[in-house]
Amino acid sequence: MKCSLFFTLLFFALLSCGDEKMPKPTGQLRLEYPPAKYKKFSNSCGFDFDKNELAEVKATSNCGLEIHYPKMKATVYLTYKPIQGNLETLLVDAQKLTYEHAIKANDIAEQPYVNLNKKVYGMFYQVGGNAATNAQFYVTDSTKNFVTASMYFYSKPNFDSILPAADYIKNDMKQLIESINWK
């Protein structure tokens, strides 16, 4: 009896030896978007620009536009204002809007934009961290037209999880700035 118990224990001991089980690392969400294709978007306001074909544009009041990205659950809000001797006020308001996010932002990077041929002057802001917006800009011809834009997602800000979509839309916003034409 002792012998059979010994062989039974030995049998199970040999069977239980094998590769050590390791826990799997947590998976990371991988978001990939198709390469952007742009086409000219015209409206009855003082400007036109190139927009991503994946985006849907909705006109709002006073020449404002909402550029919706349904797959990314984000919107870029564009505001158009004619300059009527109030350029300095418009510039201060645009900068103030950006720096209101400094409370939640890790950093705010400014990138000036100047295109002398098209008379487009402005500033692109990249907001790092869990701020409500990840990118904003303003552009002007400094005499008649002033446009501001801000990107917002439909969820609570979590910089790490929205980073691929935010980068994709930032590139579209830069294309918008580079392609804007005043009428």
C-alpha atoms as a PDB file:
ATOM      1  CA  MET A   1       0.000   0.000   0.000  1.00  0.00           C
ATOM      2  CA  LYS A   2       2.839   2.389   0.842  1.00  0.00           C
ATOM      3  CA  CYS A   3       4.440   1.547  -2.485  1.00  0.00           C
ATOM      4  CA  SER A   4       1.290   2.333  -4.523  1.00  0.00           C
ATOM      5  CA  LEU A   5       0.824   5.605  -2.626  1.00  0.00           C
ATOM      6  CA  PHE A   6       4.458   6.492  -3.362  1.00  0.00           C
ATOM      7  CA  PHE A   7       4.078   5.761  -7.104  1.00  0.00           C
ATOM      8  CA  THR A   8       0.809   7.679  -7.257  1.00  0.00           C
ATOM      9  CA  LEU A   9       2.413  10.745  -5.674  1.00  0.00           C
ATOM     10  CA  LEU A  10       5.445  10.379  -7.949  1.00  0.00           C
ATOM     11  CA  PHE A  11       3.145  10.078 -11.002  1.00  0.00           C
ATOM     12  CA  PHE A  12       1.256  13.303 -10.116  1.00  0.00           C
ATOM     13  CA  ALA A  13       4.485  15.125  -9.259  1.00  0.00           C
ATOM     14  CA  LEU A  14       5.905  14.324 -12.705  1.00  0.00           C
ATOM     15  CA  LEU A  15       2.673  15.311 -14.426  1.00  0.00           C
ATOM     16  CA  SER A  16       2.516  18.624 -12.648  1.00  0.00           C
ATOM     17  CA  CYS A  17       5.976  19.667 -13.867  1.00  0.00           C
ATOM     18  CA  GLY A  18       5.941  21.670 -17.032  1.00  0.00           C
ATOM     19  CA  ASP A  19       6.207  25.171 -18.370  1.00  0.00           C
ATOM     20  CA  GLU A  20       5.652  27.781 -15.774  1.00  0.00           C
ATOM     21  CA  LYS A  21       2.531  29.798 -16.476  1.00  0.00           C
ATOM     22  CA  MET A  22       3.192  33.521 -16.851  1.00  0.00           C
ATOM     23  CA  PRO A  23       0.500  36.175 -16.773  1.00  0.00           C
ATOM     24  CA  LYS A  24      -0.055  37.937 -20.074  1.00  0.00           C
ATOM     25  CA  PRO A  25       0.813  41.642 -20.231  1.00  0.00           C
ATOM     26  CA  THR A  26      -2.133  43.966 -20.473  1.00  0.00           C
ATOM     27  CA  GLY A  27      -3.048  44.790 -24.036  1.00  0.00           C
ATOM     28  CA  GLN A  28      -2.820  48.295 -25.405  1.00  0.00           C
ATOM     29  CA  LEU A  29      -5.504  49.765 -27.604  1.00  0.00           C
ATOM     30  CA  ARG A  30      -4.143  50.414 -31.078  1.00  0.00           C
ATOM     31  CA  LEU A  31      -5.922  53.109 -33.022  1.00  0.00           C
ATOM     32  CA  GLU A  32      -5.013  53.569 -36.645  1.00  0.00           C
ATOM     33  CA  TYR A  33      -6.693  55.903 -39.077  1.00  0.00           C
ATOM     34  CA  PRO A  34      -6.501  55.996 -42.872  1.00  0.00           C
ATOM     35  CA  PRO A  35      -4.235  58.574 -44.496  1.00  0.00           C
ATOM     36  CA  ALA A  36      -5.962  61.925 -44.770  1.00  0.00           C
ATOM     37  CA  LYS A  37      -7.403  63.010 -48.108  1.00  0.00           C
ATOM     38  CA  TYR A  38      -8.286  66.669 -48.396  1.00  0.00           C
ATOM     39  CA  LYS A  39     -10.719  68.574 -50.569  1.00  0.00           C
ATOM     40  CA  LYS A  40     -11.527  72.277 -50.762  1.00  0.00           C
ATOM     41  CA  PHE A  41     -14.384  73.447 -48.546  1.00  0.00           C
ATOM     42  CA  SER A  42     -16.060  76.704 -49.525  1.00  0.00           C
ATOM     43  CA  ASN A  43     -18.691  78.688 -47.699  1.00  0.00           C
ATOM     44  CA  SER A  44     -20.349  82.086 -47.950  1.00  0.00           C
ATOM     45  CA  CYS A  45     -18.115  83.583 -45.260  1.00  0.00           C
ATOM     46  CA  GLY A  46     -14.763  85.292 -45.736  1.00  0.00           C
ATOM     47  CA  PHE A  47     -12.608  82.169 -46.171  1.00  0.00           C
ATOM     48  CA  ASP A  48     -12.284  78.654 -47.591  1.00  0.00           C
ATOM     49  CA  PHE A  49      -9.918  75.801 -46.705  1.00  0.00           C
ATOM     50  CA  ASP A  50      -9.021  72.149 -47.251  1.00  0.00           C
ATOM     51  CA  LYS A  51     -10.882  69.654 -45.079  1.00  0.00           C
ATOM     52  CA  ASN A  52     -10.393  65.961 -44.464  1.00  0.00           C
ATOM     53  CA  GLU A  53     -12.873  63.822 -46.431  1.00  0.00           C
ATOM     54  CA  LEU A  54     -13.582  61.817 -43.231  1.00  0.00           C
ATOM     55  CA  ALA A  55     -14.867  64.943 -41.489  1.00  0.00           C
ATOM     56  CA  GLU A  56     -18.373  66.334 -41.714  1.00  0.00           C
ATOM     57  CA  VAL A  57     -18.889  70.107 -41.664  1.00  0.00           C
ATOM     58  CA  LYS A  58     -21.954  71.702 -40.128  1.00  0.00           C
ATOM     59  CA  ALA A  59     -22.582  75.439 -40.402  1.00  0.00           C
ATOM     60  CA  THR A  60     -23.692  77.290 -37.288  1.00  0.00           C
ATOM     61  CA  SER A  61     -24.706  80.885 -36.754  1.00  0.00           C
ATOM     62  CA  ASN A  62     -22.549  83.879 -37.735  1.00  0.00           C
ATOM     63  CA  CYS A  63     -20.244  81.929 -40.090  1.00  0.00           C
ATOM     64  CA  GLY A  64     -19.227  79.449 -37.404  1.00  0.00           C
ATOM     65  CA  LEU A  65     -18.471  75.875 -38.419  1.00  0.00           C
ATOM     66  CA  GLU A  66     -18.338  72.546 -36.616  1.00  0.00           C
ATOM     67  CA  ILE A  67     -16.033  69.973 -38.181  1.00  0.00           C
ATOM     68  CA  HIS A  68     -17.182  66.607 -36.838  1.00  0.00           C
ATOM     69  CA  TYR A  69     -15.043  63.462 -36.714  1.00  0.00           C
ATOM     70  CA  PRO A  70     -17.636  60.752 -35.961  1.00  0.00           C
ATOM     71  CA  LYS A  71     -15.185  57.818 -35.791  1.00  0.00           C
ATOM     72  CA  MET A  72     -12.978  59.696 -33.327  1.00  0.00           C
ATOM     73  CA  LYS A  73     -15.864  61.258 -31.415  1.00  0.00           C
ATOM     74  CA  ALA A  74     -14.400  64.732 -31.698  1.00  0.00           C
ATOM     75  CA  THR A  75     -15.310  68.138 -33.104  1.00  0.00           C
ATOM     76  CA  VAL A  76     -13.271  71.147 -34.177  1.00  0.00           C
ATOM     77  CA  TYR A  77     -15.229  74.337 -33.560  1.00  0.00           C
ATOM     78  CA  LEU A  78     -14.388  77.204 -35.931  1.00  0.00           C
ATOM     79  CA  THR A  79     -15.448  80.762 -35.232  1.00  0.00           C
ATOM     80  CA  TYR A  80     -15.232  83.507 -37.836  1.00  0.00           C
ATOM     81  CA  LYS A  81     -15.280  87.179 -36.885  1.00  0.00           C
ATOM     82  CA  PRO A  82     -14.829  90.173 -39.159  1.00  0.00           C
ATOM     83  CA  ILE A  83     -12.251  92.680 -37.963  1.00  0.00           C
ATOM     84  CA  GLN A  84     -13.829  96.055 -37.303  1.00  0.00           C
ATOM     85  CA  GLY A  85     -11.044  97.947 -35.579  1.00  0.00           C
ATOM     86  CA  ASN A  86     -10.959  95.293 -32.846  1.00  0.00           C
ATOM     87  CA  LEU A  87      -7.997  93.128 -33.858  1.00  0.00           C
ATOM     88  CA  GLU A  88      -6.208  93.586 -30.545  1.00  0.00           C
ATOM     89  CA  THR A  89      -9.307  92.517 -28.580  1.00  0.00           C
ATOM     90  CA  LEU A  90      -9.768  89.445 -30.798  1.00  0.00           C
ATOM     91  CA  LEU A  91      -6.128  88.437 -30.325  1.00  0.00           C
ATOM     92  CA  VAL A  92      -6.305  88.848 -26.534  1.00  0.00           C
ATOM     93  CA  ASP A  93      -9.544  86.825 -26.383  1.00  0.00           C
ATOM     94  CA  ALA A  94      -8.048  83.996 -28.485  1.00  0.00           C
ATOM     95  CA  GLN A  95      -4.937  83.817 -26.299  1.00  0.00           C
ATOM     96  CA  LYS A  96      -6.993  84.032 -23.114  1.00  0.00           C
ATOM     97  CA  LEU A  97      -9.175  81.127 -24.287  1.00  0.00           C
ATOM     98  CA  THR A  98      -6.095  78.963 -24.739  1.00  0.00           C
ATOM     99  CA  TYR A  99      -4.478  79.808 -21.424  1.00  0.00           C
ATOM    100  CA  GLU A 100      -7.676  79.101 -19.478  1.00  0.00           C
ATOM    101  CA  HIS A 101      -6.676  75.441 -19.963  1.00  0.00           C
ATOM    102  CA  ALA A 102      -3.353  75.980 -18.169  1.00  0.00           C
ATOM    103  CA  ILE A 103      -4.871  74.639 -14.925  1.00  0.00           C
ATOM    104  CA  LYS A 104      -5.196  71.092 -16.345  1.00  0.00           C
ATOM    105  CA  ALA A 105      -2.501  71.297 -19.023  1.00  0.00           C
ATOM    106  CA  ASN A 106       1.009  69.929 -18.558  1.00  0.00           C
ATOM    107  CA  ASP A 107       2.301  72.393 -21.111  1.00  0.00           C
ATOM    108  CA  ILE A 108       1.143  74.680 -23.902  1.00  0.00           C
ATOM    109  CA  ALA A 109       3.377  74.842 -26.959  1.00  0.00           C
ATOM    110  CA  GLU A 110       2.999  77.825 -29.279  1.00  0.00           C
ATOM    111  CA  GLN A 111       3.793  77.564 -32.988  1.00  0.00           C
ATOM    112  CA  PRO A 112       3.567  80.845 -34.926  1.00  0.00           C
ATOM    113  CA  TYR A 113       2.359  80.680 -38.521  1.00  0.00           C
ATOM    114  CA  VAL A 114       3.123  83.294 -41.193  1.00  0.00           C
ATOM    115  CA  ASN A 115       2.342  83.080 -44.901  1.00  0.00           C
ATOM    116  CA  LEU A 116       3.110  86.449 -46.469  1.00  0.00           C
ATOM    117  CA  ASN A 117       1.882  85.458 -49.947  1.00  0.00           C
ATOM    118  CA  LYS A 118      -1.609  84.508 -48.734  1.00  0.00           C
ATOM    119  CA  LYS A 119      -1.627  87.083 -45.921  1.00  0.00           C
ATOM    120  CA  VAL A 120      -2.283  84.482 -43.236  1.00  0.00           C
ATOM    121  CA  TYR A 121      -0.843  85.124 -39.797  1.00  0.00           C
ATOM    122  CA  GLY A 122      -1.601  83.177 -36.666  1.00  0.00           C
ATOM    123  CA  MET A 123      -0.666  80.914 -33.799  1.00  0.00           C
ATOM    124  CA  PHE A 124      -1.184  77.177 -33.290  1.00  0.00           C
ATOM    125  CA  TYR A 125      -1.345  75.949 -29.690  1.00  0.00           C
ATOM    126  CA  GLN A 126      -0.727  72.343 -28.645  1.00  0.00           C
ATOM    127  CA  VAL A 127      -2.072  71.698 -25.171  1.00  0.00           C
ATOM    128  CA  GLY A 128      -0.497  68.739 -23.374  1.00  0.00           C
ATOM    129  CA  GLY A 129      -2.129  66.804 -20.558  1.00  0.00           C
ATOM    130  CA  ASN A 130      -5.739  66.226 -19.581  1.00  0.00           C
ATOM    131  CA  ALA A 131      -7.067  69.618 -20.647  1.00  0.00           C
ATOM    132  CA  ALA A 132     -10.472  69.915 -22.287  1.00  0.00           C
ATOM    133  CA  THR A 133      -8.859  70.782 -25.627  1.00  0.00           C
ATOM    134  CA  ASN A 134      -5.645  69.424 -27.135  1.00  0.00           C
ATOM    135  CA  ALA A 135      -5.227  71.995 -29.889  1.00  0.00           C
ATOM    136  CA  GLN A 136      -6.353  75.513 -30.708  1.00  0.00           C
ATOM    137  CA  PHE A 137      -5.394  78.148 -33.224  1.00  0.00           C
ATOM    138  CA  TYR A 138      -6.208  81.565 -34.542  1.00  0.00           C
ATOM    139  CA  VAL A 139      -5.448  83.012 -37.976  1.00  0.00           C
ATOM    140  CA  THR A 140      -6.042  86.426 -39.455  1.00  0.00           C
ATOM    141  CA  ASP A 141      -5.225  88.601 -42.437  1.00  0.00           C
ATOM    142  CA  SER A 142      -4.873  91.442 -39.884  1.00  0.00           C
ATOM    143  CA  THR A 143      -7.304  93.725 -41.739  1.00  0.00           C
ATOM    144  CA  LYS A 144     -10.690  92.013 -42.359  1.00  0.00           C
ATOM    145  CA  ASN A 145     -10.854  88.389 -41.179  1.00  0.00           C
ATOM    146  CA  PHE A 146     -10.235  86.506 -37.940  1.00  0.00           C
ATOM    147  CA  VAL A 147     -10.754  82.749 -37.394  1.00  0.00           C
ATOM    148  CA  THR A 148     -10.294  80.723 -34.213  1.00  0.00           C
ATOM    149  CA  ALA A 149     -10.606  76.967 -33.767  1.00  0.00           C
ATOM    150  CA  SER A 150     -10.595  74.491 -30.865  1.00  0.00           C
ATOM    151  CA  MET A 151     -10.656  70.692 -30.791  1.00  0.00           C
ATOM    152  CA  TYR A 152     -12.863  68.881 -28.261  1.00  0.00           C
ATOM    153  CA  PHE A 153     -13.614  65.199 -27.672  1.00  0.00           C
ATOM    154  CA  TYR A 154     -16.994  63.874 -26.532  1.00  0.00           C
ATOM    155  CA  SER A 155     -15.520  62.294 -23.406  1.00  0.00           C
ATOM    156  CA  LYS A 156     -13.704  63.230 -20.236  1.00  0.00           C
ATOM    157  CA  PRO A 157     -10.113  64.172 -21.146  1.00  0.00           C
ATOM    158  CA  ASN A 158      -7.626  61.329 -20.825  1.00  0.00           C
ATOM    159  CA  PHE A 159      -4.567  62.358 -22.794  1.00  0.00           C
ATOM    160  CA  ASP A 160      -3.060  58.864 -23.159  1.00  0.00           C
ATOM    161  CA  SER A 161      -6.166  57.235 -24.605  1.00  0.00           C
ATOM    162  CA  ILE A 162      -7.054  59.989 -27.105  1.00  0.00           C
ATOM    163  CA  LEU A 163      -3.501  60.713 -28.255  1.00  0.00           C
ATOM    164  CA  PRO A 164      -3.706  58.955 -31.678  1.00  0.00           C
ATOM    165  CA  ALA A 165      -6.979  60.686 -32.550  1.00  0.00           C
ATOM    166  CA  ALA A 166      -5.747  64.030 -31.206  1.00  0.00           C
ATOM    167  CA  ASP A 167      -2.577  63.822 -33.314  1.00  0.00           C
ATOM    168  CA  TYR A 168      -4.613  62.957 -36.416  1.00  0.00           C
ATOM    169  CA  ILE A 169      -6.935  65.925 -35.932  1.00  0.00           C
ATOM    170  CA  LYS A 170      -4.016  68.265 -35.106  1.00  0.00           C
ATOM    171  CA  ASN A 171      -2.572  67.440 -38.533  1.00  0.00           C
ATOM    172  CA  ASP A 172      -5.936  68.311 -40.102  1.00  0.00           C
ATOM    173  CA  MET A 173      -5.987  71.602 -38.207  1.00  0.00           C
ATOM    174  CA  LYS A 174      -2.499  72.427 -39.471  1.00  0.00           C
ATOM    175  CA  GLN A 175      -3.634  71.611 -43.024  1.00  0.00           C
ATOM    176  CA  LEU A 176      -6.578  73.939 -42.518  1.00  0.00           C
ATOM    177  CA  ILE A 177      -4.256  76.774 -41.482  1.00  0.00           C
ATOM    178  CA  GLU A 178      -1.893  76.177 -44.395  1.00  0.00           C
ATOM    179  CA  SER A 179      -4.707  76.001 -46.949  1.00  0.00           C
ATOM    180  CA  ILE A 180      -6.927  78.856 -45.766  1.00  0.00           C
ATOM    181  CA  ASN A 181      -7.717  81.470 -48.407  1.00  0.00           C
ATOM    182  CA  TRP A 182      -9.373  84.791 -47.690  1.00  0.00           C
ATOM    183  CA  LYS A 183     -12.150  85.899 -50.034  1.00  0.00           C
END
